[in-house]
Amino acid sequence: MEIWINPRCGKCRTALGALDGAGVEYTVRRYLEDPPTAAELVRVLERLGLEPWDITRTDEQAAKDLGMKGWPREEGSRDRWIAAMAEHPILIQRPIITADDGHAVVARTPDALKSVLP
């Protein structure tokens, strides 16, 4: 299991605490320091069953600078969204947990977090 975190994020710290409390083995990826590539983002999106705009933090300054709220949310625009997240990892919603069984969640809610715990 791997968790993508920003250590300053309260939801990330909550998720780490839940994983520790459940005794789960996991790897931490500080995605701001070790940004995912576009290919990694594509794989994670497939596992999440989401589109890039579903996990983009459009209120971040980088998104505002790029005008992302006005970008089309359609298949033909996926690569543009993914490239922006790869270039500006602050745009990626967090925490993202990729479970060993193949699924992944954006663990911002208690229910999403519970779905990856034993």
PDB file of N, CA and C in Angstrom:
ATOM      1  N   MET A   1       0.845  -1.165   0.000  1.00  0.00           N
ATOM      2  CA  MET A   1       0.000   0.000   0.000  1.00  0.00           C
ATOM      3  C   MET A   1       0.894   1.233   0.000  1.00  0.00           C
ATOM      4  N   GLU A   2       0.446   2.242  -0.744  1.00  0.00           N
ATOM      5  CA  GLU A   2       1.180   3.499  -0.780  1.00  0.00           C
ATOM      6  C   GLU A   2       0.202   4.637  -0.525  1.00  0.00           C
ATOM      7  N   ILE A   3       0.662   5.664   0.177  1.00  0.00           N
ATOM      8  CA  ILE A   3      -0.153   6.847   0.432  1.00  0.00           C
ATOM      9  C   ILE A   3       0.607   8.073  -0.019  1.00  0.00           C
ATOM     10  N   TRP A   4      -0.055   8.887  -0.838  1.00  0.00           N
ATOM     11  CA  TRP A   4       0.518  10.145  -1.292  1.00  0.00           C
ATOM     12  C   TRP A   4       0.047  11.224  -0.336  1.00  0.00           C
ATOM     13  N   ILE A   5       0.994  11.927   0.280  1.00  0.00           N
ATOM     14  CA  ILE A   5       0.637  12.909   1.295  1.00  0.00           C
ATOM     15  C   ILE A   5       1.369  14.227   1.128  1.00  0.00           C
ATOM     16  N   ASN A   6       0.785  15.230   1.738  1.00  0.00           N
ATOM     17  CA  ASN A   6       1.438  16.488   2.048  1.00  0.00           C
ATOM     18  C   ASN A   6       1.462  16.508   3.575  1.00  0.00           C
ATOM     19  N   PRO A   7       2.617  16.464   4.212  1.00  0.00           N
ATOM     20  CA  PRO A   7       2.679  16.351   5.675  1.00  0.00           C
ATOM     21  C   PRO A   7       1.983  17.486   6.419  1.00  0.00           C
ATOM     22  N   ARG A   8       1.753  18.620   5.751  1.00  0.00           N
ATOM     23  CA  ARG A   8       1.067  19.739   6.405  1.00  0.00           C
ATOM     24  C   ARG A   8      -0.451  19.610   6.353  1.00  0.00           C
ATOM     25  N   CYS A   9      -0.953  18.597   5.665  1.00  0.00           N
ATOM     26  CA  CYS A   9      -2.390  18.405   5.470  1.00  0.00           C
ATOM     27  C   CYS A   9      -2.984  17.593   6.618  1.00  0.00           C
ATOM     28  N   GLY A  10      -4.014  18.130   7.251  1.00  0.00           N
ATOM     29  CA  GLY A  10      -4.672  17.443   8.362  1.00  0.00           C
ATOM     30  C   GLY A  10      -5.302  16.122   7.954  1.00  0.00           C
ATOM     31  N   LYS A  11      -5.918  16.062   6.779  1.00  0.00           N
ATOM     32  CA  LYS A  11      -6.536  14.810   6.328  1.00  0.00           C
ATOM     33  C   LYS A  11      -5.468  13.749   6.069  1.00  0.00           C
ATOM     34  N   CYS A  12      -4.301  14.171   5.610  1.00  0.00           N
ATOM     35  CA  CYS A  12      -3.197  13.228   5.408  1.00  0.00           C
ATOM     36  C   CYS A  12      -2.729  12.667   6.746  1.00  0.00           C
ATOM     37  N   ARG A  13      -2.600  13.528   7.732  1.00  0.00           N
ATOM     38  CA  ARG A  13      -2.176  13.063   9.059  1.00  0.00           C
ATOM     39  C   ARG A  13      -3.215  12.124   9.663  1.00  0.00           C
ATOM     40  N   THR A  14      -4.493  12.412   9.453  1.00  0.00           N
ATOM     41  CA  THR A  14      -5.558  11.533   9.933  1.00  0.00           C
ATOM     42  C   THR A  14      -5.457  10.165   9.266  1.00  0.00           C
ATOM     43  N   ALA A  15      -5.232  10.158   7.961  1.00  0.00           N
ATOM     44  CA  ALA A  15      -5.114   8.898   7.223  1.00  0.00           C
ATOM     45  C   ALA A  15      -3.916   8.089   7.711  1.00  0.00           C
ATOM     46  N   LEU A  16      -2.784   8.763   7.924  1.00  0.00           N
ATOM     47  CA  LEU A  16      -1.601   8.061   8.434  1.00  0.00           C
ATOM     48  C   LEU A  16      -1.888   7.445   9.804  1.00  0.00           C
ATOM     49  N   GLY A  17      -2.572   8.195  10.655  1.00  0.00           N
ATOM     50  CA  GLY A  17      -2.927   7.675  11.974  1.00  0.00           C
ATOM     51  C   GLY A  17      -3.825   6.457  11.884  1.00  0.00           C
ATOM     52  N   ALA A  18      -4.774   6.476  10.963  1.00  0.00           N
ATOM     53  CA  ALA A  18      -5.673   5.328  10.789  1.00  0.00           C
ATOM     54  C   ALA A  18      -4.909   4.112  10.270  1.00  0.00           C
ATOM     55  N   LEU A  19      -4.007   4.328   9.329  1.00  0.00           N
ATOM     56  CA  LEU A  19      -3.200   3.208   8.817  1.00  0.00           C
ATOM     57  C   LEU A  19      -2.325   2.634   9.929  1.00  0.00           C
ATOM     58  N   ASP A  20      -1.700   3.507  10.713  1.00  0.00           N
ATOM     59  CA  ASP A  20      -0.869   3.044  11.831  1.00  0.00           C
ATOM     60  C   ASP A  20      -1.716   2.289  12.847  1.00  0.00           C
ATOM     61  N   GLY A  21      -2.887   2.828  13.155  1.00  0.00           N
ATOM     62  CA  GLY A  21      -3.769   2.197  14.131  1.00  0.00           C
ATOM     63  C   GLY A  21      -4.247   0.825  13.701  1.00  0.00           C
ATOM     64  N   ALA A  22      -4.380   0.646  12.381  1.00  0.00           N
ATOM     65  CA  ALA A  22      -4.814  -0.644  11.849  1.00  0.00           C
ATOM     66  C   ALA A  22      -3.648  -1.609  11.655  1.00  0.00           C
ATOM     67  N   GLY A  23      -2.436  -1.133  11.909  1.00  0.00           N
ATOM     68  CA  GLY A  23      -1.265  -1.991  11.748  1.00  0.00           C
ATOM     69  C   GLY A  23      -0.951  -2.323  10.304  1.00  0.00           C
ATOM     70  N   VAL A  24      -1.348  -1.472   9.402  1.00  0.00           N
ATOM     71  CA  VAL A  24      -1.143  -1.699   7.972  1.00  0.00           C
ATOM     72  C   VAL A  24       0.272  -1.283   7.581  1.00  0.00           C
ATOM     73  N   GLU A  25       0.902  -2.082   6.738  1.00  0.00           N
ATOM     74  CA  GLU A  25       2.201  -1.701   6.189  1.00  0.00           C
ATOM     75  C   GLU A  25       1.968  -0.834   4.959  1.00  0.00           C
ATOM     76  N   TYR A  26       2.696   0.255   4.884  1.00  0.00           N
ATOM     77  CA  TYR A  26       2.510   1.174   3.770  1.00  0.00           C
ATOM     78  C   TYR A  26       3.791   1.956   3.526  1.00  0.00           C
ATOM     79  N   THR A  27       3.832   2.551   2.348  1.00  0.00           N
ATOM     80  CA  THR A  27       4.926   3.427   1.952  1.00  0.00           C
ATOM     81  C   THR A  27       4.369   4.833   1.808  1.00  0.00           C
ATOM     82  N   VAL A  28       5.093   5.805   2.326  1.00  0.00           N
ATOM     83  CA  VAL A  28       4.682   7.203   2.208  1.00  0.00           C
ATOM     84  C   VAL A  28       5.371   7.833   1.010  1.00  0.00           C
ATOM     85  N   ARG A  29       4.595   8.525   0.220  1.00  0.00           N
ATOM     86  CA  ARG A  29       5.157   9.316  -0.877  1.00  0.00           C
ATOM     87  C   ARG A  29       4.766  10.766  -0.647  1.00  0.00           C
ATOM     88  N   ARG A  30       5.748  11.581  -0.386  1.00  0.00           N
ATOM     89  CA  ARG A  30       5.523  13.017  -0.253  1.00  0.00           C
ATOM     90  C   ARG A  30       5.516  13.574  -1.669  1.00  0.00           C
ATOM     91  N   TYR A  31       4.340  13.599  -2.243  1.00  0.00           N
ATOM     92  CA  TYR A  31       4.221  13.854  -3.677  1.00  0.00           C
ATOM     93  C   TYR A  31       4.627  15.265  -4.098  1.00  0.00           C
ATOM     94  N   LEU A  32       4.737  16.197  -3.152  1.00  0.00           N
ATOM     95  CA  LEU A  32       5.231  17.522  -3.526  1.00  0.00           C
ATOM     96  C   LEU A  32       6.741  17.490  -3.733  1.00  0.00           C
ATOM     97  N   GLU A  33       7.427  16.610  -2.990  1.00  0.00           N
ATOM     98  CA  GLU A  33       8.873  16.460  -3.119  1.00  0.00           C
ATOM     99  C   GLU A  33       9.248  15.431  -4.184  1.00  0.00           C
ATOM    100  N   ASP A  34       8.370  14.458  -4.386  1.00  0.00           N
ATOM    101  CA  ASP A  34       8.587  13.378  -5.350  1.00  0.00           C
ATOM    102  C   ASP A  34       7.342  13.291  -6.238  1.00  0.00           C
ATOM    103  N   PRO A  35       7.191  14.262  -7.151  1.00  0.00           N
ATOM    104  CA  PRO A  35       5.954  14.340  -7.937  1.00  0.00           C
ATOM    105  C   PRO A  35       5.762  13.137  -8.855  1.00  0.00           C
ATOM    106  N   PRO A  36       4.509  12.713  -9.000  1.00  0.00           N
ATOM    107  CA  PRO A  36       4.232  11.620  -9.931  1.00  0.00           C
ATOM    108  C   PRO A  36       4.372  12.107 -11.372  1.00  0.00           C
ATOM    109  N   THR A  37       4.739  11.203 -12.226  1.00  0.00           N
ATOM    110  CA  THR A  37       4.809  11.506 -13.651  1.00  0.00           C
ATOM    111  C   THR A  37       3.392  11.476 -14.223  1.00  0.00           C
ATOM    112  N   ALA A  38       3.263  11.955 -15.438  1.00  0.00           N
ATOM    113  CA  ALA A  38       1.961  11.888 -16.105  1.00  0.00           C
ATOM    114  C   ALA A  38       1.502  10.433 -16.217  1.00  0.00           C
ATOM    115  N   ALA A  39       2.419   9.526 -16.529  1.00  0.00           N
ATOM    116  CA  ALA A  39       2.056   8.103 -16.648  1.00  0.00           C
ATOM    117  C   ALA A  39       1.572   7.540 -15.306  1.00  0.00           C
ATOM    118  N   GLU A  40       2.222   7.936 -14.213  1.00  0.00           N
ATOM    119  CA  GLU A  40       1.782   7.484 -12.894  1.00  0.00           C
ATOM    120  C   GLU A  40       0.390   8.032 -12.570  1.00  0.00           C
ATOM    121  N   LEU A  41       0.149   9.268 -12.924  1.00  0.00           N
ATOM    122  CA  LEU A  41      -1.170   9.854 -12.698  1.00  0.00           C
ATOM    123  C   LEU A  41      -2.246   9.115 -13.488  1.00  0.00           C
ATOM    124  N   VAL A  42      -1.946   8.756 -14.714  1.00  0.00           N
ATOM    125  CA  VAL A  42      -2.901   7.993 -15.536  1.00  0.00           C
ATOM    126  C   VAL A  42      -3.236   6.672 -14.847  1.00  0.00           C
ATOM    127  N   ARG A  43      -2.217   5.971 -14.360  1.00  0.00           N
ATOM    128  CA  ARG A  43      -2.456   4.685 -13.681  1.00  0.00           C
ATOM    129  C   ARG A  43      -3.282   4.868 -12.408  1.00  0.00           C
ATOM    130  N   VAL A  44      -2.972   5.886 -11.631  1.00  0.00           N
ATOM    131  CA  VAL A  44      -3.722   6.127 -10.394  1.00  0.00           C
ATOM    132  C   VAL A  44      -5.169   6.500 -10.715  1.00  0.00           C
ATOM    133  N   LEU A  45      -5.369   7.316 -11.732  1.00  0.00           N
ATOM    134  CA  LEU A  45      -6.731   7.672 -12.122  1.00  0.00           C
ATOM    135  C   LEU A  45      -7.525   6.444 -12.545  1.00  0.00           C
ATOM    136  N   GLU A  46      -6.884   5.527 -13.266  1.00  0.00           N
ATOM    137  CA  GLU A  46      -7.556   4.282 -13.650  1.00  0.00           C
ATOM    138  C   GLU A  46      -7.969   3.495 -12.406  1.00  0.00           C
ATOM    139  N   ARG A  47      -7.066   3.395 -11.432  1.00  0.00           N
ATOM    140  CA  ARG A  47      -7.357   2.663 -10.201  1.00  0.00           C
ATOM    141  C   ARG A  47      -8.445   3.357  -9.382  1.00  0.00           C
ATOM    142  N   LEU A  48      -8.459   4.695  -9.421  1.00  0.00           N
ATOM    143  CA  LEU A  48      -9.479   5.456  -8.705  1.00  0.00           C
ATOM    144  C   LEU A  48     -10.829   5.394  -9.420  1.00  0.00           C
ATOM    145  N   GLY A  49     -10.802   5.179 -10.733  1.00  0.00           N
ATOM    146  CA  GLY A  49     -12.027   5.241 -11.518  1.00  0.00           C
ATOM    147  C   GLY A  49     -12.525   6.674 -11.656  1.00  0.00           C
ATOM    148  N   LEU A  50     -11.582   7.621 -11.687  1.00  0.00           N
ATOM    149  CA  LEU A  50     -11.917   9.039 -11.746  1.00  0.00           C
ATOM    150  C   LEU A  50     -11.234   9.702 -12.934  1.00  0.00           C
ATOM    151  N   GLU A  51     -11.679  10.905 -13.224  1.00  0.00           N
ATOM    152  CA  GLU A  51     -11.064  11.730 -14.263  1.00  0.00           C
ATOM    153  C   GLU A  51     -10.114  12.719 -13.583  1.00  0.00           C
ATOM    154  N   PRO A  52      -9.161  13.279 -14.319  1.00  0.00           N
ATOM    155  CA  PRO A  52      -8.183  14.182 -13.691  1.00  0.00           C
ATOM    156  C   PRO A  52      -8.838  15.386 -13.016  1.00  0.00           C
ATOM    157  N   TRP A  53      -9.889  15.926 -13.596  1.00  0.00           N
ATOM    158  CA  TRP A  53     -10.552  17.088 -12.994  1.00  0.00           C
ATOM    159  C   TRP A  53     -11.241  16.732 -11.677  1.00  0.00           C
ATOM    160  N   ASP A  54     -11.491  15.430 -11.459  1.00  0.00           N
ATOM    161  CA  ASP A  54     -12.096  14.991 -10.198  1.00  0.00           C
ATOM    162  C   ASP A  54     -11.124  15.073  -9.029  1.00  0.00           C
ATOM    163  N   ILE A  55      -9.827  15.044  -9.320  1.00  0.00           N
ATOM    164  CA  ILE A  55      -8.831  15.067  -8.240  1.00  0.00           C
ATOM    165  C   ILE A  55      -7.938  16.303  -8.313  1.00  0.00           C
ATOM    166  N   THR A  56      -8.395  17.322  -9.022  1.00  0.00           N
ATOM    167  CA  THR A  56      -7.621  18.557  -9.143  1.00  0.00           C
ATOM    168  C   THR A  56      -8.115  19.575  -8.125  1.00  0.00           C
ATOM    169  N   ARG A  57      -7.186  20.166  -7.421  1.00  0.00           N
ATOM    170  CA  ARG A  57      -7.485  21.212  -6.441  1.00  0.00           C
ATOM    171  C   ARG A  57      -7.538  22.545  -7.194  1.00  0.00           C
ATOM    172  N   THR A  58      -8.706  22.867  -7.717  1.00  0.00           N
ATOM    173  CA  THR A  58      -8.838  24.033  -8.589  1.00  0.00           C
ATOM    174  C   THR A  58      -8.805  25.366  -7.842  1.00  0.00           C
ATOM    175  N   ASP A  59      -8.812  25.333  -6.513  1.00  0.00           N
ATOM    176  CA  ASP A  59      -8.701  26.578  -5.753  1.00  0.00           C
ATOM    177  C   ASP A  59      -7.255  26.942  -5.417  1.00  0.00           C
ATOM    178  N   GLU A  60      -6.324  26.077  -5.776  1.00  0.00           N
ATOM    179  CA  GLU A  60      -4.906  26.386  -5.578  1.00  0.00           C
ATOM    180  C   GLU A  60      -4.492  27.519  -6.519  1.00  0.00           C
ATOM    181  N   GLN A  61      -3.526  28.307  -6.101  1.00  0.00           N
ATOM    182  CA  GLN A  61      -3.077  29.443  -6.916  1.00  0.00           C
ATOM    183  C   GLN A  61      -2.590  29.000  -8.292  1.00  0.00           C
ATOM    184  N   ALA A  62      -1.898  27.867  -8.357  1.00  0.00           N
ATOM    185  CA  ALA A  62      -1.409  27.381  -9.658  1.00  0.00           C
ATOM    186  C   ALA A  62      -2.574  27.121 -10.608  1.00  0.00           C
ATOM    187  N   ALA A  63      -3.668  26.578 -10.093  1.00  0.00           N
ATOM    188  CA  ALA A  63      -4.848  26.328 -10.930  1.00  0.00           C
ATOM    189  C   ALA A  63      -5.476  27.642 -11.385  1.00  0.00           C
ATOM    190  N   LYS A  64      -5.513  28.604 -10.487  1.00  0.00           N
ATOM    191  CA  LYS A  64      -6.055  29.916 -10.854  1.00  0.00           C
ATOM    192  C   LYS A  64      -5.194  30.572 -11.922  1.00  0.00           C
ATOM    193  N   ASP A  65      -3.874  30.475 -11.758  1.00  0.00           N
ATOM    194  CA  ASP A  65      -2.954  31.051 -12.739  1.00  0.00           C
ATOM    195  C   ASP A  65      -3.137  30.430 -14.123  1.00  0.00           C
ATOM    196  N   LEU A  66      -3.451  29.132 -14.137  1.00  0.00           N
ATOM    197  CA  LEU A  66      -3.651  28.413 -15.399  1.00  0.00           C
ATOM    198  C   LEU A  66      -5.074  28.566 -15.944  1.00  0.00           C
ATOM    199  N   GLY A  67      -5.983  29.092 -15.128  1.00  0.00           N
ATOM    200  CA  GLY A  67      -7.380  29.226 -15.547  1.00  0.00           C
ATOM    201  C   GLY A  67      -8.102  27.895 -15.634  1.00  0.00           C
ATOM    202  N   MET A  68      -7.725  26.942 -14.786  1.00  0.00           N
ATOM    203  CA  MET A  68      -8.235  25.578 -14.902  1.00  0.00           C
ATOM    204  C   MET A  68      -9.743  25.445 -14.693  1.00  0.00           C
ATOM    205  N   LYS A  69     -10.340  26.316 -13.918  1.00  0.00           N
ATOM    206  CA  LYS A  69     -11.793  26.211 -13.714  1.00  0.00           C
ATOM    207  C   LYS A  69     -12.548  26.345 -15.031  1.00  0.00           C
ATOM    208  N   GLY A  70     -11.946  26.997 -15.993  1.00  0.00           N
ATOM    209  CA  GLY A  70     -12.576  27.165 -17.292  1.00  0.00           C
ATOM    210  C   GLY A  70     -12.200  26.100 -18.318  1.00  0.00           C
ATOM    211  N   TRP A  71     -11.301  25.183 -17.953  1.00  0.00           N
ATOM    212  CA  TRP A  71     -10.887  24.149 -18.892  1.00  0.00           C
ATOM    213  C   TRP A  71     -12.024  23.154 -19.125  1.00  0.00           C
ATOM    214  N   PRO A  72     -12.152  22.647 -20.362  1.00  0.00           N
ATOM    215  CA  PRO A  72     -13.175  21.632 -20.636  1.00  0.00           C
ATOM    216  C   PRO A  72     -12.920  20.363 -19.804  1.00  0.00           C
ATOM    217  N   ARG A  73     -14.005  19.770 -19.377  1.00  0.00           N
ATOM    218  CA  ARG A  73     -13.932  18.511 -18.622  1.00  0.00           C
ATOM    219  C   ARG A  73     -14.466  17.410 -19.525  1.00  0.00           C
ATOM    220  N   GLU A  74     -13.612  17.037 -20.469  1.00  0.00           N
ATOM    221  CA  GLU A  74     -13.998  16.038 -21.468  1.00  0.00           C
ATOM    222  C   GLU A  74     -12.763  15.239 -21.880  1.00  0.00           C
ATOM    223  N   GLU A  75     -13.024  14.100 -22.488  1.00  0.00           N
ATOM    224  CA  GLU A  75     -11.961  13.159 -22.858  1.00  0.00           C
ATOM    225  C   GLU A  75     -10.797  13.833 -23.583  1.00  0.00           C
ATOM    226  N   GLY A  76     -11.095  14.715 -24.509  1.00  0.00           N
ATOM    227  CA  GLY A  76     -10.051  15.370 -25.288  1.00  0.00           C
ATOM    228  C   GLY A  76      -9.154  16.292 -24.478  1.00  0.00           C
ATOM    229  N   SER A  77      -9.558  16.614 -23.257  1.00  0.00           N
ATOM    230  CA  SER A  77      -8.773  17.511 -22.401  1.00  0.00           C
ATOM    231  C   SER A  77      -8.019  16.791 -21.291  1.00  0.00           C
ATOM    232  N   ARG A  78      -8.183  15.477 -21.210  1.00  0.00           N
ATOM    233  CA  ARG A  78      -7.554  14.724 -20.120  1.00  0.00           C
ATOM    234  C   ARG A  78      -6.042  14.961 -20.037  1.00  0.00           C
ATOM    235  N   ASP A  79      -5.358  14.872 -21.176  1.00  0.00           N
ATOM    236  CA  ASP A  79      -3.898  15.002 -21.175  1.00  0.00           C
ATOM    237  C   ASP A  79      -3.458  16.377 -20.664  1.00  0.00           C
ATOM    238  N   ARG A  80      -4.220  17.404 -20.984  1.00  0.00           N
ATOM    239  CA  ARG A  80      -3.898  18.755 -20.520  1.00  0.00           C
ATOM    240  C   ARG A  80      -3.987  18.825 -18.995  1.00  0.00           C
ATOM    241  N   TRP A  81      -5.047  18.256 -18.433  1.00  0.00           N
ATOM    242  CA  TRP A  81      -5.223  18.240 -16.981  1.00  0.00           C
ATOM    243  C   TRP A  81      -4.098  17.448 -16.310  1.00  0.00           C
ATOM    244  N   ILE A  82      -3.802  16.287 -16.861  1.00  0.00           N
ATOM    245  CA  ILE A  82      -2.767  15.418 -16.285  1.00  0.00           C
ATOM    246  C   ILE A  82      -1.404  16.099 -16.355  1.00  0.00           C
ATOM    247  N   ALA A  83      -1.098  16.730 -17.475  1.00  0.00           N
ATOM    248  CA  ALA A  83       0.182  17.435 -17.614  1.00  0.00           C
ATOM    249  C   ALA A  83       0.292  18.560 -16.582  1.00  0.00           C
ATOM    250  N   ALA A  84      -0.800  19.266 -16.340  1.00  0.00           N
ATOM    251  CA  ALA A  84      -0.777  20.351 -15.346  1.00  0.00           C
ATOM    252  C   ALA A  84      -0.519  19.794 -13.950  1.00  0.00           C
ATOM    253  N   MET A  85      -1.132  18.678 -13.614  1.00  0.00           N
ATOM    254  CA  MET A  85      -0.906  18.081 -12.289  1.00  0.00           C
ATOM    255  C   MET A  85       0.517  17.552 -12.154  1.00  0.00           C
ATOM    256  N   ALA A  86       1.064  17.005 -13.226  1.00  0.00           N
ATOM    257  CA  ALA A  86       2.438  16.510 -13.182  1.00  0.00           C
ATOM    258  C   ALA A  86       3.419  17.676 -13.009  1.00  0.00           C
ATOM    259  N   GLU A  87       3.121  18.790 -13.644  1.00  0.00           N
ATOM    260  CA  GLU A  87       3.998  19.957 -13.545  1.00  0.00           C
ATOM    261  C   GLU A  87       3.817  20.713 -12.227  1.00  0.00           C
ATOM    262  N   HIS A  88       2.614  20.692 -11.705  1.00  0.00           N
ATOM    263  CA  HIS A  88       2.275  21.408 -10.464  1.00  0.00           C
ATOM    264  C   HIS A  88       1.608  20.427  -9.494  1.00  0.00           C
ATOM    265  N   PRO A  89       2.371  19.587  -8.819  1.00  0.00           N
ATOM    266  CA  PRO A  89       1.768  18.539  -7.977  1.00  0.00           C
ATOM    267  C   PRO A  89       0.891  19.074  -6.843  1.00  0.00           C
ATOM    268  N   ILE A  90       1.019  20.345  -6.493  1.00  0.00           N
ATOM    269  CA  ILE A  90       0.154  20.928  -5.466  1.00  0.00           C
ATOM    270  C   ILE A  90      -1.319  20.826  -5.889  1.00  0.00           C
ATOM    271  N   LEU A  91      -1.562  20.645  -7.180  1.00  0.00           N
ATOM    272  CA  LEU A  91      -2.921  20.549  -7.709  1.00  0.00           C
ATOM    273  C   LEU A  91      -3.584  19.203  -7.423  1.00  0.00           C
ATOM    274  N   ILE A  92      -2.811  18.209  -7.004  1.00  0.00           N
ATOM    275  CA  ILE A  92      -3.349  16.859  -6.792  1.00  0.00           C
ATOM    276  C   ILE A  92      -4.041  16.779  -5.439  1.00  0.00           C
ATOM    277  N   GLN A  93      -5.288  16.303  -5.460  1.00  0.00           N
ATOM    278  CA  GLN A  93      -6.025  16.098  -4.217  1.00  0.00           C
ATOM    279  C   GLN A  93      -5.308  15.071  -3.356  1.00  0.00           C
ATOM    280  N   ARG A  94      -5.465  15.176  -2.060  1.00  0.00           N
ATOM    281  CA  ARG A  94      -4.755  14.311  -1.130  1.00  0.00           C
ATOM    282  C   ARG A  94      -5.639  13.967   0.049  1.00  0.00           C
ATOM    283  N   PRO A  95      -5.302  12.923   0.760  1.00  0.00           N
ATOM    284  CA  PRO A  95      -4.329  11.874   0.469  1.00  0.00           C
ATOM    285  C   PRO A  95      -4.899  10.861  -0.523  1.00  0.00           C
ATOM    286  N   ILE A  96      -4.038  10.300  -1.340  1.00  0.00           N
ATOM    287  CA  ILE A  96      -4.428   9.217  -2.238  1.00  0.00           C
ATOM    288  C   ILE A  96      -3.755   7.953  -1.725  1.00  0.00           C
ATOM    289  N   ILE A  97      -4.565   6.927  -1.527  1.00  0.00           N
ATOM    290  CA  ILE A  97      -4.053   5.641  -1.066  1.00  0.00           C
ATOM    291  C   ILE A  97      -4.284   4.613  -2.161  1.00  0.00           C
ATOM    292  N   THR A  98      -3.200   3.943  -2.558  1.00  0.00           N
ATOM    293  CA  THR A  98      -3.294   2.853  -3.517  1.00  0.00           C
ATOM    294  C   THR A  98      -3.117   1.558  -2.730  1.00  0.00           C
ATOM    295  N   ALA A  99      -4.163   0.762  -2.719  1.00  0.00           N
ATOM    296  CA  ALA A  99      -4.174  -0.466  -1.936  1.00  0.00           C
ATOM    297  C   ALA A  99      -3.534  -1.613  -2.712  1.00  0.00           C
ATOM    298  N   ASP A 100      -3.079  -2.604  -1.971  1.00  0.00           N
ATOM    299  CA  ASP A 100      -2.420  -3.749  -2.590  1.00  0.00           C
ATOM    300  C   ASP A 100      -3.368  -4.576  -3.455  1.00  0.00           C
ATOM    301  N   ASP A 101      -4.675  -4.482  -3.187  1.00  0.00           N
ATOM    302  CA  ASP A 101      -5.639  -5.276  -3.962  1.00  0.00           C
ATOM    303  C   ASP A 101      -5.979  -4.634  -5.309  1.00  0.00           C
ATOM    304  N   GLY A 102      -5.357  -3.479  -5.614  1.00  0.00           N
ATOM    305  CA  GLY A 102      -5.550  -2.868  -6.915  1.00  0.00           C
ATOM    306  C   GLY A 102      -6.417  -1.631  -6.922  1.00  0.00           C
ATOM    307  N   HIS A 103      -7.229  -1.432  -5.904  1.00  0.00           N
ATOM    308  CA  HIS A 103      -8.059  -0.228  -5.930  1.00  0.00           C
ATOM    309  C   HIS A 103      -7.340   0.922  -5.238  1.00  0.00           C
ATOM    310  N   ALA A 104      -7.888   2.094  -5.414  1.00  0.00           N
ATOM    311  CA  ALA A 104      -7.303   3.291  -4.816  1.00  0.00           C
ATOM    312  C   ALA A 104      -8.436   4.203  -4.375  1.00  0.00           C
ATOM    313  N   VAL A 105      -8.135   5.069  -3.418  1.00  0.00           N
ATOM    314  CA  VAL A 105      -9.125   6.030  -2.937  1.00  0.00           C
ATOM    315  C   VAL A 105      -8.456   7.365  -2.649  1.00  0.00           C
ATOM    316  N   VAL A 106      -9.247   8.413  -2.783  1.00  0.00           N
ATOM    317  CA  VAL A 106      -8.865   9.706  -2.246  1.00  0.00           C
ATOM    318  C   VAL A 106      -9.464   9.688  -0.843  1.00  0.00           C
ATOM    319  N   ALA A 107      -8.608   9.523   0.152  1.00  0.00           N
ATOM    320  CA  ALA A 107      -9.051   9.221   1.520  1.00  0.00           C
ATOM    321  C   ALA A 107      -9.371  10.482   2.322  1.00  0.00           C
ATOM    322  N   ARG A 108     -10.284  11.294   1.802  1.00  0.00           N
ATOM    323  CA  ARG A 108     -10.656  12.533   2.484  1.00  0.00           C
ATOM    324  C   ARG A 108     -11.843  12.329   3.427  1.00  0.00           C
ATOM    325  N   THR A 109     -12.574  11.254   3.247  1.00  0.00           N
ATOM    326  CA  THR A 109     -13.722  10.992   4.108  1.00  0.00           C
ATOM    327  C   THR A 109     -13.459   9.734   4.930  1.00  0.00           C
ATOM    328  N   PRO A 110     -14.115   9.600   6.088  1.00  0.00           N
ATOM    329  CA  PRO A 110     -13.944   8.377   6.890  1.00  0.00           C
ATOM    330  C   PRO A 110     -14.303   7.117   6.109  1.00  0.00           C
ATOM    331  N   ASP A 111     -15.362   7.158   5.298  1.00  0.00           N
ATOM    332  CA  ASP A 111     -15.755   5.978   4.548  1.00  0.00           C
ATOM    333  C   ASP A 111     -14.708   5.574   3.509  1.00  0.00           C
ATOM    334  N   ALA A 112     -14.144   6.551   2.827  1.00  0.00           N
ATOM    335  CA  ALA A 112     -13.097   6.243   1.843  1.00  0.00           C
ATOM    336  C   ALA A 112     -11.895   5.638   2.536  1.00  0.00           C
ATOM    337  N   LEU A 113     -11.531   6.193   3.661  1.00  0.00           N
ATOM    338  CA  LEU A 113     -10.386   5.676   4.422  1.00  0.00           C
ATOM    339  C   LEU A 113     -10.651   4.249   4.907  1.00  0.00           C
ATOM    340  N   LYS A 114     -11.844   4.000   5.412  1.00  0.00           N
ATOM    341  CA  LYS A 114     -12.186   2.662   5.902  1.00  0.00           C
ATOM    342  C   LYS A 114     -12.131   1.614   4.789  1.00  0.00           C
ATOM    343  N   SER A 115     -12.378   2.042   3.555  1.00  0.00           N
ATOM    344  CA  SER A 115     -12.419   1.075   2.447  1.00  0.00           C
ATOM    345  C   SER A 115     -11.060   0.435   2.173  1.00  0.00           C
ATOM    346  N   VAL A 116      -9.978   1.021   2.662  1.00  0.00           N
ATOM    347  CA  VAL A 116      -8.653   0.427   2.435  1.00  0.00           C
ATOM    348  C   VAL A 116      -8.087  -0.215   3.690  1.00  0.00           C
ATOM    349  N   LEU A 117      -8.825  -0.134   4.798  1.00  0.00           N
ATOM    350  CA  LEU A 117      -8.347  -0.729   6.054  1.00  0.00           C
ATOM    351  C   LEU A 117      -8.841  -2.153   6.165  1.00  0.00           C
ATOM    352  N   PRO A 118      -8.044  -3.017   6.824  1.00  0.00           N
ATOM    353  CA  PRO A 118      -8.485  -4.406   6.982  1.00  0.00           C
ATOM    354  C   PRO A 118      -9.682  -4.505   7.924  1.00  0.00           C
TER     355      PRO A 118
END
